[in-house]
Amino acid sequence: MAVFGIPNLSPDLERELGRGLIQVEELLASHIKGSFPLVEETSSHLVAAGGKRLRPLLTLLSAQFGDPTRYDVIKAAVAAELTHLATLYHDDVMDEATMRRGVESANARWGNTIAILTGDYLFAKCSALLAQLGPEAVRLQAETFERLVIGQIMETQGPGPGEDPLEHYLRVVADKTGSLIATSARYGALFSGASAEVTETVTAFGEKIGIAFQLADDVIDISSDSKESGKTPGTDLREGVPTLVTLRVLASTSPADRELQILLRAPIESEETISQVLAQLRVHKALGDSQTQLLMIAKEARLALGPLPICDATSALFSLCDAVIERSN
């Protein structure tokens, strides 16, 4: 059974993570409170909607290599989630999204200006928390935030002349997704007092597993049945968002792909066309090649764990790699 999205957790570790996540939820809810009712309502909107809490979970897992009972670990885990939540508010404005985590998006409910300012408010609350953790936490957050912004700008700008669109996309994924997940893992090691070797190891792992998560989402958007994944397939096609699978099709030189390439260069509004395109992509070589690339990156994440000691936490990180692969099959 996959508890917290990770299969085969030991009972002791499961209890430890459960206690930690309860503390994370408590601090997350209390820390975003303020004196202005509207800001409190908008900032708690996505917190209350839930989510996988992958980033805090990685912080708590990495803390197992030091002293996981230190409360600074909880603060760091909340800082990671606050950063993630803030980016979601901004992303939804840029994407003109109407739904997020099964609820109406903040921009759809309160407008773009309020959504953007709510994201800014969460960044401010995150900074206040990081200031309690010291200059190393602040520096790490600044470097991560720089990568998040650069990744978003790169995605918005698109590949430059002569640049391989697929390589460009993978750099975007590393900055927009891999960077914060890597930082989340690093926080856990750093603030639990784990060794420098462990800290560098979990950081490298976090970057790789973060990229793998995004690529798995790309595959799932094409291959999944909504009943199995809980997601509506073809979401990226409707929004005209390039993904690992569609970029591979667009790079094809086969004349047989020309009609499909025309459809993939813009958002697809017709549900009938979405169904037709999904049917073509599910039997296309690009999907299999994308799954192979995902497996390769998940393998790299597993290899990055080599220096870690044999223990329940290390086993859980290996299982997380397996879970990423499993969810895309």
C-alpha atoms as a PDB file:
ATOM      1  CA  MET A   1       0.000   0.000   0.000  1.00  0.00           C
ATOM      2  CA  ALA A   2       1.341   3.451  -0.941  1.00  0.00           C
ATOM      3  CA  VAL A   3       1.096   5.652   2.157  1.00  0.00           C
ATOM      4  CA  PHE A   4       1.827   9.346   1.462  1.00  0.00           C
ATOM      5  CA  GLY A   5       2.247   8.244  -2.162  1.00  0.00           C
ATOM      6  CA  ILE A   6       5.230   6.059  -1.232  1.00  0.00           C
ATOM      7  CA  PRO A   7       4.787   2.270  -1.240  1.00  0.00           C
ATOM      8  CA  ASN A   8       6.142  -0.105   1.416  1.00  0.00           C
ATOM      9  CA  LEU A   9       6.959   2.392   4.160  1.00  0.00           C
ATOM     10  CA  SER A  10       8.075   0.841   7.429  1.00  0.00           C
ATOM     11  CA  PRO A  11       5.486   1.304  10.224  1.00  0.00           C
ATOM     12  CA  ASP A  12       7.914   3.361  12.345  1.00  0.00           C
ATOM     13  CA  LEU A  13       8.760   5.717   9.498  1.00  0.00           C
ATOM     14  CA  GLU A  14       5.096   5.997   8.546  1.00  0.00           C
ATOM     15  CA  ARG A  15       4.247   7.134  12.083  1.00  0.00           C
ATOM     16  CA  GLU A  16       7.197   9.551  12.126  1.00  0.00           C
ATOM     17  CA  LEU A  17       6.163  11.134   8.829  1.00  0.00           C
ATOM     18  CA  GLY A  18       2.545  11.285   9.955  1.00  0.00           C
ATOM     19  CA  ARG A  19       3.501  13.223  13.096  1.00  0.00           C
ATOM     20  CA  GLY A  20       5.673  15.560  11.077  1.00  0.00           C
ATOM     21  CA  LEU A  21       3.019  16.292   8.474  1.00  0.00           C
ATOM     22  CA  ILE A  22       0.486  17.106  11.197  1.00  0.00           C
ATOM     23  CA  GLN A  23       2.936  19.703  12.527  1.00  0.00           C
ATOM     24  CA  VAL A  24       3.474  21.007   9.001  1.00  0.00           C
ATOM     25  CA  GLU A  25      -0.267  21.468   8.468  1.00  0.00           C
ATOM     26  CA  GLU A  26      -0.654  23.226  11.812  1.00  0.00           C
ATOM     27  CA  LEU A  27       2.188  25.669  11.173  1.00  0.00           C
ATOM     28  CA  LEU A  28       1.131  26.202   7.556  1.00  0.00           C
ATOM     29  CA  ALA A  29      -2.404  27.156   8.628  1.00  0.00           C
ATOM     30  CA  SER A  30      -1.308  29.408  11.484  1.00  0.00           C
ATOM     31  CA  HIS A  31       1.586  31.121   9.729  1.00  0.00           C
ATOM     32  CA  ILE A  32      -0.457  32.523   6.827  1.00  0.00           C
ATOM     33  CA  LYS A  33      -2.919  34.244   9.153  1.00  0.00           C
ATOM     34  CA  GLY A  34      -2.873  38.030   9.059  1.00  0.00           C
ATOM     35  CA  SER A  35      -4.799  41.092  10.135  1.00  0.00           C
ATOM     36  CA  PHE A  36      -6.615  41.637   6.841  1.00  0.00           C
ATOM     37  CA  PRO A  37      -9.590  39.262   6.337  1.00  0.00           C
ATOM     38  CA  LEU A  38      -9.493  39.130   2.523  1.00  0.00           C
ATOM     39  CA  VAL A  39      -5.786  38.251   2.446  1.00  0.00           C
ATOM     40  CA  GLU A  40      -6.347  35.527   5.013  1.00  0.00           C
ATOM     41  CA  GLU A  41      -9.239  34.144   2.946  1.00  0.00           C
ATOM     42  CA  THR A  42      -7.366  34.170  -0.352  1.00  0.00           C
ATOM     43  CA  SER A  43      -4.091  32.811   1.050  1.00  0.00           C
ATOM     44  CA  SER A  44      -5.818  29.919   2.815  1.00  0.00           C
ATOM     45  CA  HIS A  45      -7.761  29.055  -0.358  1.00  0.00           C
ATOM     46  CA  LEU A  46      -5.213  26.619  -1.788  1.00  0.00           C
ATOM     47  CA  VAL A  47      -3.899  25.514   1.605  1.00  0.00           C
ATOM     48  CA  ALA A  48      -7.374  24.231   2.462  1.00  0.00           C
ATOM     49  CA  ALA A  49      -7.659  22.558  -0.960  1.00  0.00           C
ATOM     50  CA  GLY A  50      -4.892  20.152   0.094  1.00  0.00           C
ATOM     51  CA  GLY A  51      -2.427  18.648  -2.365  1.00  0.00           C
ATOM     52  CA  LYS A  52       0.240  15.966  -2.304  1.00  0.00           C
ATOM     53  CA  ARG A  53       2.555  17.943   0.024  1.00  0.00           C
ATOM     54  CA  LEU A  54       5.448  16.319  -1.825  1.00  0.00           C
ATOM     55  CA  ARG A  55       7.927  19.038  -0.895  1.00  0.00           C
ATOM     56  CA  PRO A  56       7.318  18.931   2.879  1.00  0.00           C
ATOM     57  CA  LEU A  57       7.334  15.144   2.697  1.00  0.00           C
ATOM     58  CA  LEU A  58      10.783  15.182   1.103  1.00  0.00           C
ATOM     59  CA  THR A  59      11.981  17.607   3.779  1.00  0.00           C
ATOM     60  CA  LEU A  60      10.763  15.255   6.500  1.00  0.00           C
ATOM     61  CA  LEU A  61      12.264  12.200   4.784  1.00  0.00           C
ATOM     62  CA  SER A  62      15.663  13.845   4.352  1.00  0.00           C
ATOM     63  CA  ALA A  63      15.594  14.889   8.002  1.00  0.00           C
ATOM     64  CA  GLN A  64      15.616  11.201   8.969  1.00  0.00           C
ATOM     65  CA  PHE A  65      19.373  11.201   8.301  1.00  0.00           C
ATOM     66  CA  GLY A  66      19.869  13.650  11.165  1.00  0.00           C
ATOM     67  CA  ASP A  67      17.618  14.592  14.080  1.00  0.00           C
ATOM     68  CA  PRO A  68      14.085  14.723  12.612  1.00  0.00           C
ATOM     69  CA  THR A  69      12.601  16.063  15.870  1.00  0.00           C
ATOM     70  CA  ARG A  70      14.150  19.517  15.466  1.00  0.00           C
ATOM     71  CA  TYR A  71      11.344  22.036  14.951  1.00  0.00           C
ATOM     72  CA  ASP A  72      13.451  23.909  12.393  1.00  0.00           C
ATOM     73  CA  VAL A  73      12.770  20.952  10.086  1.00  0.00           C
ATOM     74  CA  ILE A  74       9.017  21.697  10.295  1.00  0.00           C
ATOM     75  CA  LYS A  75       9.640  25.383   9.614  1.00  0.00           C
ATOM     76  CA  ALA A  76      11.745  24.501   6.570  1.00  0.00           C
ATOM     77  CA  ALA A  77       9.100  22.097   5.296  1.00  0.00           C
ATOM     78  CA  VAL A  78       6.454  24.813   5.571  1.00  0.00           C
ATOM     79  CA  ALA A  79       8.736  27.296   3.797  1.00  0.00           C
ATOM     80  CA  ALA A  80       9.084  24.858   0.898  1.00  0.00           C
ATOM     81  CA  GLU A  81       5.306  24.403   0.645  1.00  0.00           C
ATOM     82  CA  LEU A  82       4.641  28.155   0.924  1.00  0.00           C
ATOM     83  CA  THR A  83       7.021  28.771  -1.966  1.00  0.00           C
ATOM     84  CA  HIS A  84       5.243  26.138  -4.030  1.00  0.00           C
ATOM     85  CA  LEU A  85       1.796  27.540  -3.198  1.00  0.00           C
ATOM     86  CA  ALA A  86       2.868  31.081  -4.083  1.00  0.00           C
ATOM     87  CA  THR A  87       4.051  29.964  -7.505  1.00  0.00           C
ATOM     88  CA  LEU A  88       0.682  28.257  -8.120  1.00  0.00           C
ATOM     89  CA  TYR A  89      -1.180  31.538  -7.646  1.00  0.00           C
ATOM     90  CA  HIS A  90       1.122  33.212 -10.163  1.00  0.00           C
ATOM     91  CA  ASP A  91       1.059  30.269 -12.589  1.00  0.00           C
ATOM     92  CA  ASP A  92      -2.737  30.233 -12.672  1.00  0.00           C
ATOM     93  CA  VAL A  93      -2.793  33.900 -13.649  1.00  0.00           C
ATOM     94  CA  MET A  94      -0.299  33.346 -16.471  1.00  0.00           C
ATOM     95  CA  ASP A  95      -2.122  30.217 -17.641  1.00  0.00           C
ATOM     96  CA  GLU A  96      -5.579  31.777 -17.192  1.00  0.00           C
ATOM     97  CA  ALA A  97      -6.517  28.642 -15.272  1.00  0.00           C
ATOM     98  CA  THR A  98     -10.025  28.320 -13.852  1.00  0.00           C
ATOM     99  CA  MET A  99      -9.446  25.344 -11.534  1.00  0.00           C
ATOM    100  CA  ARG A 100      -6.687  24.304  -9.155  1.00  0.00           C
ATOM    101  CA  ARG A 101      -6.673  21.233  -6.893  1.00  0.00           C
ATOM    102  CA  GLY A 102     -10.333  20.606  -7.617  1.00  0.00           C
ATOM    103  CA  VAL A 103     -11.495  24.082  -6.562  1.00  0.00           C
ATOM    104  CA  GLU A 104     -11.983  27.372  -8.373  1.00  0.00           C
ATOM    105  CA  SER A 105      -8.634  29.093  -8.938  1.00  0.00           C
ATOM    106  CA  ALA A 106      -7.940  32.317  -7.038  1.00  0.00           C
ATOM    107  CA  ASN A 107      -7.733  34.345 -10.251  1.00  0.00           C
ATOM    108  CA  ALA A 108     -11.103  33.030 -11.416  1.00  0.00           C
ATOM    109  CA  ARG A 109     -12.686  33.801  -8.043  1.00  0.00           C
ATOM    110  CA  TRP A 110     -11.073  37.112  -7.070  1.00  0.00           C
ATOM    111  CA  GLY A 111      -9.393  38.324 -10.258  1.00  0.00           C
ATOM    112  CA  ASN A 112      -5.780  38.436 -11.449  1.00  0.00           C
ATOM    113  CA  THR A 113      -4.653  41.321  -9.245  1.00  0.00           C
ATOM    114  CA  ILE A 114      -5.761  39.678  -5.991  1.00  0.00           C
ATOM    115  CA  ALA A 115      -4.300  36.320  -7.085  1.00  0.00           C
ATOM    116  CA  ILE A 116      -0.897  37.878  -7.868  1.00  0.00           C
ATOM    117  CA  LEU A 117      -0.820  39.821  -4.606  1.00  0.00           C
ATOM    118  CA  THR A 118      -1.803  36.690  -2.670  1.00  0.00           C
ATOM    119  CA  GLY A 119       1.168  34.893  -4.191  1.00  0.00           C
ATOM    120  CA  ASP A 120       3.361  37.819  -3.141  1.00  0.00           C
ATOM    121  CA  TYR A 121       1.907  37.666   0.375  1.00  0.00           C
ATOM    122  CA  LEU A 122       2.800  33.973   0.649  1.00  0.00           C
ATOM    123  CA  PHE A 123       6.347  34.723  -0.515  1.00  0.00           C
ATOM    124  CA  ALA A 124       6.555  37.364   2.216  1.00  0.00           C
ATOM    125  CA  LYS A 125       5.313  34.925   4.871  1.00  0.00           C
ATOM    126  CA  CYS A 126       7.833  32.385   3.613  1.00  0.00           C
ATOM    127  CA  SER A 127      10.652  34.924   3.917  1.00  0.00           C
ATOM    128  CA  ALA A 128       9.665  35.660   7.516  1.00  0.00           C
ATOM    129  CA  LEU A 129       9.882  31.972   8.335  1.00  0.00           C
ATOM    130  CA  LEU A 130      13.239  31.571   6.585  1.00  0.00           C
ATOM    131  CA  ALA A 131      14.652  34.543   8.506  1.00  0.00           C
ATOM    132  CA  GLN A 132      14.076  32.517  11.678  1.00  0.00           C
ATOM    133  CA  LEU A 133      16.182  29.709  10.207  1.00  0.00           C
ATOM    134  CA  GLY A 134      19.199  31.891   9.491  1.00  0.00           C
ATOM    135  CA  PRO A 135      21.227  33.286   6.563  1.00  0.00           C
ATOM    136  CA  GLU A 136      21.912  29.891   4.937  1.00  0.00           C
ATOM    137  CA  ALA A 137      18.178  29.280   4.549  1.00  0.00           C
ATOM    138  CA  VAL A 138      17.662  32.775   3.137  1.00  0.00           C
ATOM    139  CA  ARG A 139      20.531  32.322   0.663  1.00  0.00           C
ATOM    140  CA  LEU A 140      19.223  28.936  -0.448  1.00  0.00           C
ATOM    141  CA  GLN A 141      15.734  30.354  -0.949  1.00  0.00           C
ATOM    142  CA  ALA A 142      17.114  33.253  -3.000  1.00  0.00           C
ATOM    143  CA  GLU A 143      18.994  30.868  -5.303  1.00  0.00           C
ATOM    144  CA  THR A 144      15.929  28.647  -5.668  1.00  0.00           C
ATOM    145  CA  PHE A 145      13.630  31.578  -6.345  1.00  0.00           C
ATOM    146  CA  GLU A 146      16.032  32.825  -9.026  1.00  0.00           C
ATOM    147  CA  ARG A 147      15.816  29.455 -10.786  1.00  0.00           C
ATOM    148  CA  LEU A 148      12.021  29.400 -10.499  1.00  0.00           C
ATOM    149  CA  VAL A 149      11.783  32.816 -12.131  1.00  0.00           C
ATOM    150  CA  ILE A 150      14.324  32.025 -14.851  1.00  0.00           C
ATOM    151  CA  GLY A 151      12.498  28.785 -15.616  1.00  0.00           C
ATOM    152  CA  GLN A 152       9.221  30.651 -16.007  1.00  0.00           C
ATOM    153  CA  ILE A 153      10.797  33.297 -18.233  1.00  0.00           C
ATOM    154  CA  MET A 154      12.444  30.616 -20.372  1.00  0.00           C
ATOM    155  CA  GLU A 155       9.107  28.836 -20.726  1.00  0.00           C
ATOM    156  CA  THR A 156       7.339  32.077 -21.665  1.00  0.00           C
ATOM    157  CA  GLN A 157      10.038  33.107 -24.136  1.00  0.00           C
ATOM    158  CA  GLY A 158      10.392  29.683 -25.729  1.00  0.00           C
ATOM    159  CA  PRO A 159      13.526  28.245 -27.340  1.00  0.00           C
ATOM    160  CA  GLY A 160      15.836  30.624 -29.158  1.00  0.00           C
ATOM    161  CA  PRO A 161      16.882  30.377 -32.819  1.00  0.00           C
ATOM    162  CA  GLY A 162      18.696  27.125 -33.459  1.00  0.00           C
ATOM    163  CA  GLU A 163      18.012  25.862 -29.930  1.00  0.00           C
ATOM    164  CA  ASP A 164      16.688  22.321 -29.539  1.00  0.00           C
ATOM    165  CA  PRO A 165      13.117  22.716 -28.181  1.00  0.00           C
ATOM    166  CA  LEU A 166      13.373  19.463 -26.236  1.00  0.00           C
ATOM    167  CA  GLU A 167      16.622  20.460 -24.504  1.00  0.00           C
ATOM    168  CA  HIS A 168      15.102  23.865 -23.768  1.00  0.00           C
ATOM    169  CA  TYR A 169      12.053  22.198 -22.224  1.00  0.00           C
ATOM    170  CA  LEU A 170      14.155  19.949 -19.984  1.00  0.00           C
ATOM    171  CA  ARG A 171      16.048  23.013 -18.693  1.00  0.00           C
ATOM    172  CA  VAL A 172      12.709  24.684 -17.956  1.00  0.00           C
ATOM    173  CA  VAL A 173      11.540  21.606 -16.041  1.00  0.00           C
ATOM    174  CA  ALA A 174      14.778  21.477 -14.042  1.00  0.00           C
ATOM    175  CA  ASP A 175      14.399  25.129 -13.013  1.00  0.00           C
ATOM    176  CA  LYS A 176      10.613  25.272 -12.532  1.00  0.00           C
ATOM    177  CA  THR A 177      10.151  21.909 -10.802  1.00  0.00           C
ATOM    178  CA  GLY A 178      13.481  20.269  -9.986  1.00  0.00           C
ATOM    179  CA  SER A 179      14.962  23.267  -8.165  1.00  0.00           C
ATOM    180  CA  LEU A 180      12.362  23.577  -5.402  1.00  0.00           C
ATOM    181  CA  ILE A 181      12.086  19.827  -4.853  1.00  0.00           C
ATOM    182  CA  ALA A 182      15.885  19.673  -4.549  1.00  0.00           C
ATOM    183  CA  THR A 183      15.794  22.538  -2.050  1.00  0.00           C
ATOM    184  CA  SER A 184      13.027  20.825  -0.073  1.00  0.00           C
ATOM    185  CA  ALA A 185      15.201  17.745   0.356  1.00  0.00           C
ATOM    186  CA  ARG A 186      18.238  19.881   1.186  1.00  0.00           C
ATOM    187  CA  TYR A 187      16.293  21.723   3.895  1.00  0.00           C
ATOM    188  CA  GLY A 188      15.556  18.446   5.672  1.00  0.00           C
ATOM    189  CA  ALA A 189      19.166  17.334   5.754  1.00  0.00           C
ATOM    190  CA  LEU A 190      20.476  20.787   6.595  1.00  0.00           C
ATOM    191  CA  PHE A 191      18.187  21.570   9.516  1.00  0.00           C
ATOM    192  CA  SER A 192      18.269  18.075  11.013  1.00  0.00           C
ATOM    193  CA  GLY A 193      22.053  18.296  11.270  1.00  0.00           C
ATOM    194  CA  ALA A 194      22.775  15.546   8.738  1.00  0.00           C
ATOM    195  CA  SER A 195      26.290  15.254   7.311  1.00  0.00           C
ATOM    196  CA  ALA A 196      27.497  17.325   4.356  1.00  0.00           C
ATOM    197  CA  GLU A 197      27.653  14.182   2.198  1.00  0.00           C
ATOM    198  CA  VAL A 198      24.027  13.320   2.964  1.00  0.00           C
ATOM    199  CA  THR A 199      22.973  16.914   2.312  1.00  0.00           C
ATOM    200  CA  GLU A 200      24.581  16.934  -1.137  1.00  0.00           C
ATOM    201  CA  THR A 201      23.218  13.466  -1.911  1.00  0.00           C
ATOM    202  CA  VAL A 202      19.566  14.245  -1.146  1.00  0.00           C
ATOM    203  CA  THR A 203      19.861  17.551  -3.028  1.00  0.00           C
ATOM    204  CA  ALA A 204      21.049  15.774  -6.178  1.00  0.00           C
ATOM    205  CA  PHE A 205      18.299  13.195  -5.727  1.00  0.00           C
ATOM    206  CA  GLY A 206      15.666  15.904  -5.284  1.00  0.00           C
ATOM    207  CA  GLU A 207      16.602  17.585  -8.547  1.00  0.00           C
ATOM    208  CA  LYS A 208      16.331  14.321 -10.486  1.00  0.00           C
ATOM    209  CA  ILE A 209      13.118  13.118  -8.881  1.00  0.00           C
ATOM    210  CA  GLY A 210      11.579  16.561  -9.408  1.00  0.00           C
ATOM    211  CA  ILE A 211      12.275  16.371 -13.134  1.00  0.00           C
ATOM    212  CA  ALA A 212      10.934  12.818 -13.201  1.00  0.00           C
ATOM    213  CA  PHE A 213       7.682  13.918 -11.533  1.00  0.00           C
ATOM    214  CA  GLN A 214       7.047  16.524 -14.222  1.00  0.00           C
ATOM    215  CA  LEU A 215       7.868  14.143 -17.056  1.00  0.00           C
ATOM    216  CA  ALA A 216       5.549  11.559 -15.484  1.00  0.00           C
ATOM    217  CA  ASP A 217       2.791  14.190 -15.528  1.00  0.00           C
ATOM    218  CA  ASP A 218       3.494  14.740 -19.226  1.00  0.00           C
ATOM    219  CA  VAL A 219       3.088  11.041 -19.941  1.00  0.00           C
ATOM    220  CA  ILE A 220      -0.003  10.737 -17.721  1.00  0.00           C
ATOM    221  CA  ASP A 221      -1.692  13.631 -19.532  1.00  0.00           C
ATOM    222  CA  ILE A 222      -1.616  11.523 -22.692  1.00  0.00           C
ATOM    223  CA  SER A 223      -1.767   7.920 -21.526  1.00  0.00           C
ATOM    224  CA  SER A 224      -4.023   7.957 -18.476  1.00  0.00           C
ATOM    225  CA  ASP A 225      -7.648   7.167 -17.995  1.00  0.00           C
ATOM    226  CA  SER A 226      -9.249   9.878 -15.841  1.00  0.00           C
ATOM    227  CA  LYS A 227     -10.798   7.203 -13.600  1.00  0.00           C
ATOM    228  CA  GLU A 228      -7.352   5.793 -12.834  1.00  0.00           C
ATOM    229  CA  SER A 229      -5.326   8.997 -12.496  1.00  0.00           C
ATOM    230  CA  GLY A 230      -7.961  11.393 -11.185  1.00  0.00           C
ATOM    231  CA  LYS A 231      -6.892  13.834 -13.887  1.00  0.00           C
ATOM    232  CA  THR A 232      -8.592  14.741 -17.126  1.00  0.00           C
ATOM    233  CA  PRO A 233      -6.384  13.482 -19.989  1.00  0.00           C
ATOM    234  CA  GLY A 234      -5.485  16.020 -22.651  1.00  0.00           C
ATOM    235  CA  THR A 235      -5.365  19.018 -20.291  1.00  0.00           C
ATOM    236  CA  ASP A 236      -2.068  20.213 -21.784  1.00  0.00           C
ATOM    237  CA  LEU A 237      -3.487  19.786 -25.292  1.00  0.00           C
ATOM    238  CA  ARG A 238      -6.442  22.007 -24.425  1.00  0.00           C
ATOM    239  CA  GLU A 239      -4.111  24.689 -23.089  1.00  0.00           C
ATOM    240  CA  GLY A 240      -1.545  24.375 -25.872  1.00  0.00           C
ATOM    241  CA  VAL A 241       1.192  23.635 -23.336  1.00  0.00           C
ATOM    242  CA  PRO A 242       4.256  21.885 -24.806  1.00  0.00           C
ATOM    243  CA  THR A 243       5.214  18.644 -23.067  1.00  0.00           C
ATOM    244  CA  LEU A 244       7.825  15.949 -23.469  1.00  0.00           C
ATOM    245  CA  VAL A 245       5.471  13.880 -25.642  1.00  0.00           C
ATOM    246  CA  THR A 246       4.206  16.655 -27.936  1.00  0.00           C
ATOM    247  CA  LEU A 247       7.667  18.145 -28.415  1.00  0.00           C
ATOM    248  CA  ARG A 248       8.885  14.770 -29.646  1.00  0.00           C
ATOM    249  CA  VAL A 249       6.038  14.676 -32.177  1.00  0.00           C
ATOM    250  CA  LEU A 250       6.808  18.234 -33.290  1.00  0.00           C
ATOM    251  CA  ALA A 251      10.461  17.246 -33.812  1.00  0.00           C
ATOM    252  CA  SER A 252       9.458  14.378 -36.094  1.00  0.00           C
ATOM    253  CA  THR A 253      10.449  14.590 -39.766  1.00  0.00           C
ATOM    254  CA  SER A 254       7.952  11.947 -40.844  1.00  0.00           C
ATOM    255  CA  PRO A 255       5.370  13.184 -43.391  1.00  0.00           C
ATOM    256  CA  ALA A 256       2.799  11.055 -41.558  1.00  0.00           C
ATOM    257  CA  ASP A 257       3.048  13.426 -38.571  1.00  0.00           C
ATOM    258  CA  ARG A 258       2.422  16.705 -40.429  1.00  0.00           C
ATOM    259  CA  GLU A 259      -1.321  16.898 -39.784  1.00  0.00           C
ATOM    260  CA  LEU A 260      -0.818  16.036 -36.112  1.00  0.00           C
ATOM    261  CA  GLN A 261       1.950  18.636 -35.831  1.00  0.00           C
ATOM    262  CA  ILE A 262      -0.384  21.363 -37.114  1.00  0.00           C
ATOM    263  CA  LEU A 263      -2.921  20.502 -34.404  1.00  0.00           C
ATOM    264  CA  LEU A 264      -0.276  20.460 -31.646  1.00  0.00           C
ATOM    265  CA  ARG A 265       1.032  23.965 -32.397  1.00  0.00           C
ATOM    266  CA  ALA A 266      -1.975  25.642 -30.787  1.00  0.00           C
ATOM    267  CA  PRO A 267      -4.561  25.003 -28.050  1.00  0.00           C
ATOM    268  CA  ILE A 268      -7.202  22.485 -29.125  1.00  0.00           C
ATOM    269  CA  GLU A 269     -10.728  23.605 -28.255  1.00  0.00           C
ATOM    270  CA  SER A 270     -12.815  20.830 -29.797  1.00  0.00           C
ATOM    271  CA  GLU A 271     -13.353  17.853 -27.485  1.00  0.00           C
ATOM    272  CA  GLU A 272     -13.793  15.642 -30.523  1.00  0.00           C
ATOM    273  CA  THR A 273     -10.392  16.734 -31.818  1.00  0.00           C
ATOM    274  CA  ILE A 274      -8.884  16.180 -28.358  1.00  0.00           C
ATOM    275  CA  SER A 275     -10.135  12.595 -28.410  1.00  0.00           C
ATOM    276  CA  GLN A 276      -8.719  12.032 -31.893  1.00  0.00           C
ATOM    277  CA  VAL A 277      -5.330  13.514 -31.001  1.00  0.00           C
ATOM    278  CA  LEU A 278      -5.125  11.489 -27.776  1.00  0.00           C
ATOM    279  CA  ALA A 279      -5.876   8.316 -29.718  1.00  0.00           C
ATOM    280  CA  GLN A 280      -3.044   9.093 -32.161  1.00  0.00           C
ATOM    281  CA  LEU A 281      -0.561  10.029 -29.428  1.00  0.00           C
ATOM    282  CA  ARG A 282      -1.264   6.866 -27.436  1.00  0.00           C
ATOM    283  CA  VAL A 283       0.045   4.718 -30.280  1.00  0.00           C
ATOM    284  CA  HIS A 284       2.773   7.148 -31.359  1.00  0.00           C
ATOM    285  CA  LYS A 285       6.469   6.366 -30.948  1.00  0.00           C
ATOM    286  CA  ALA A 286       6.847   9.678 -29.080  1.00  0.00           C
ATOM    287  CA  LEU A 287       4.935   8.325 -26.086  1.00  0.00           C
ATOM    288  CA  GLY A 288       7.137   5.251 -25.777  1.00  0.00           C
ATOM    289  CA  ASP A 289      10.292   7.367 -26.184  1.00  0.00           C
ATOM    290  CA  SER A 290       9.033   9.719 -23.467  1.00  0.00           C
ATOM    291  CA  GLN A 291       8.391   6.815 -21.109  1.00  0.00           C
ATOM    292  CA  THR A 292      11.911   5.542 -21.802  1.00  0.00           C
ATOM    293  CA  GLN A 293      13.374   8.959 -20.966  1.00  0.00           C
ATOM    294  CA  LEU A 294      11.346   9.088 -17.750  1.00  0.00           C
ATOM    295  CA  LEU A 295      12.713   5.663 -16.765  1.00  0.00           C
ATOM    296  CA  MET A 296      16.248   6.874 -17.447  1.00  0.00           C
ATOM    297  CA  ILE A 297      15.872   9.948 -15.217  1.00  0.00           C
ATOM    298  CA  ALA A 298      14.223   7.900 -12.462  1.00  0.00           C
ATOM    299  CA  LYS A 299      17.193   5.533 -12.693  1.00  0.00           C
ATOM    300  CA  GLU A 300      19.553   8.505 -12.331  1.00  0.00           C
ATOM    301  CA  ALA A 301      17.626   9.523  -9.209  1.00  0.00           C
ATOM    302  CA  ARG A 302      18.075   6.018  -7.784  1.00  0.00           C
ATOM    303  CA  LEU A 303      21.812   6.071  -8.577  1.00  0.00           C
ATOM    304  CA  ALA A 304      22.149   9.428  -6.808  1.00  0.00           C
ATOM    305  CA  LEU A 305      21.102   7.716  -3.556  1.00  0.00           C
ATOM    306  CA  GLY A 306      24.190   5.493  -3.574  1.00  0.00           C
ATOM    307  CA  PRO A 307      26.094   7.221  -0.736  1.00  0.00           C
ATOM    308  CA  LEU A 308      23.176   7.039   1.719  1.00  0.00           C
ATOM    309  CA  PRO A 309      23.232   4.487   4.569  1.00  0.00           C
ATOM    310  CA  ILE A 310      20.967   1.451   4.453  1.00  0.00           C
ATOM    311  CA  CYS A 311      17.915   2.439   6.495  1.00  0.00           C
ATOM    312  CA  ASP A 312      14.139   2.903   6.290  1.00  0.00           C
ATOM    313  CA  ALA A 313      14.448   6.473   4.978  1.00  0.00           C
ATOM    314  CA  THR A 314      16.752   5.412   2.143  1.00  0.00           C
ATOM    315  CA  SER A 315      14.362   2.587   1.248  1.00  0.00           C
ATOM    316  CA  ALA A 316      11.527   5.120   1.171  1.00  0.00           C
ATOM    317  CA  LEU A 317      13.432   7.331  -1.273  1.00  0.00           C
ATOM    318  CA  PHE A 318      14.045   4.326  -3.527  1.00  0.00           C
ATOM    319  CA  SER A 319      10.329   3.506  -3.299  1.00  0.00           C
ATOM    320  CA  LEU A 320       9.523   7.075  -4.299  1.00  0.00           C
ATOM    321  CA  CYS A 321      11.412   6.484  -7.550  1.00  0.00           C
ATOM    322  CA  ASP A 322       9.331   3.365  -8.141  1.00  0.00           C
ATOM    323  CA  ALA A 323       6.137   5.300  -7.402  1.00  0.00           C
ATOM    324  CA  VAL A 324       6.985   7.918 -10.034  1.00  0.00           C
ATOM    325  CA  ILE A 325       7.427   5.209 -12.652  1.00  0.00           C
ATOM    326  CA  GLU A 326       4.334   3.309 -11.541  1.00  0.00           C
ATOM    327  CA  ARG A 327       2.023   6.328 -11.777  1.00  0.00           C
ATOM    328  CA  SER A 328       3.011   6.855 -15.424  1.00  0.00           C
ATOM    329  CA  ASN A 329       2.344   3.262 -16.535  1.00  0.00           C
END
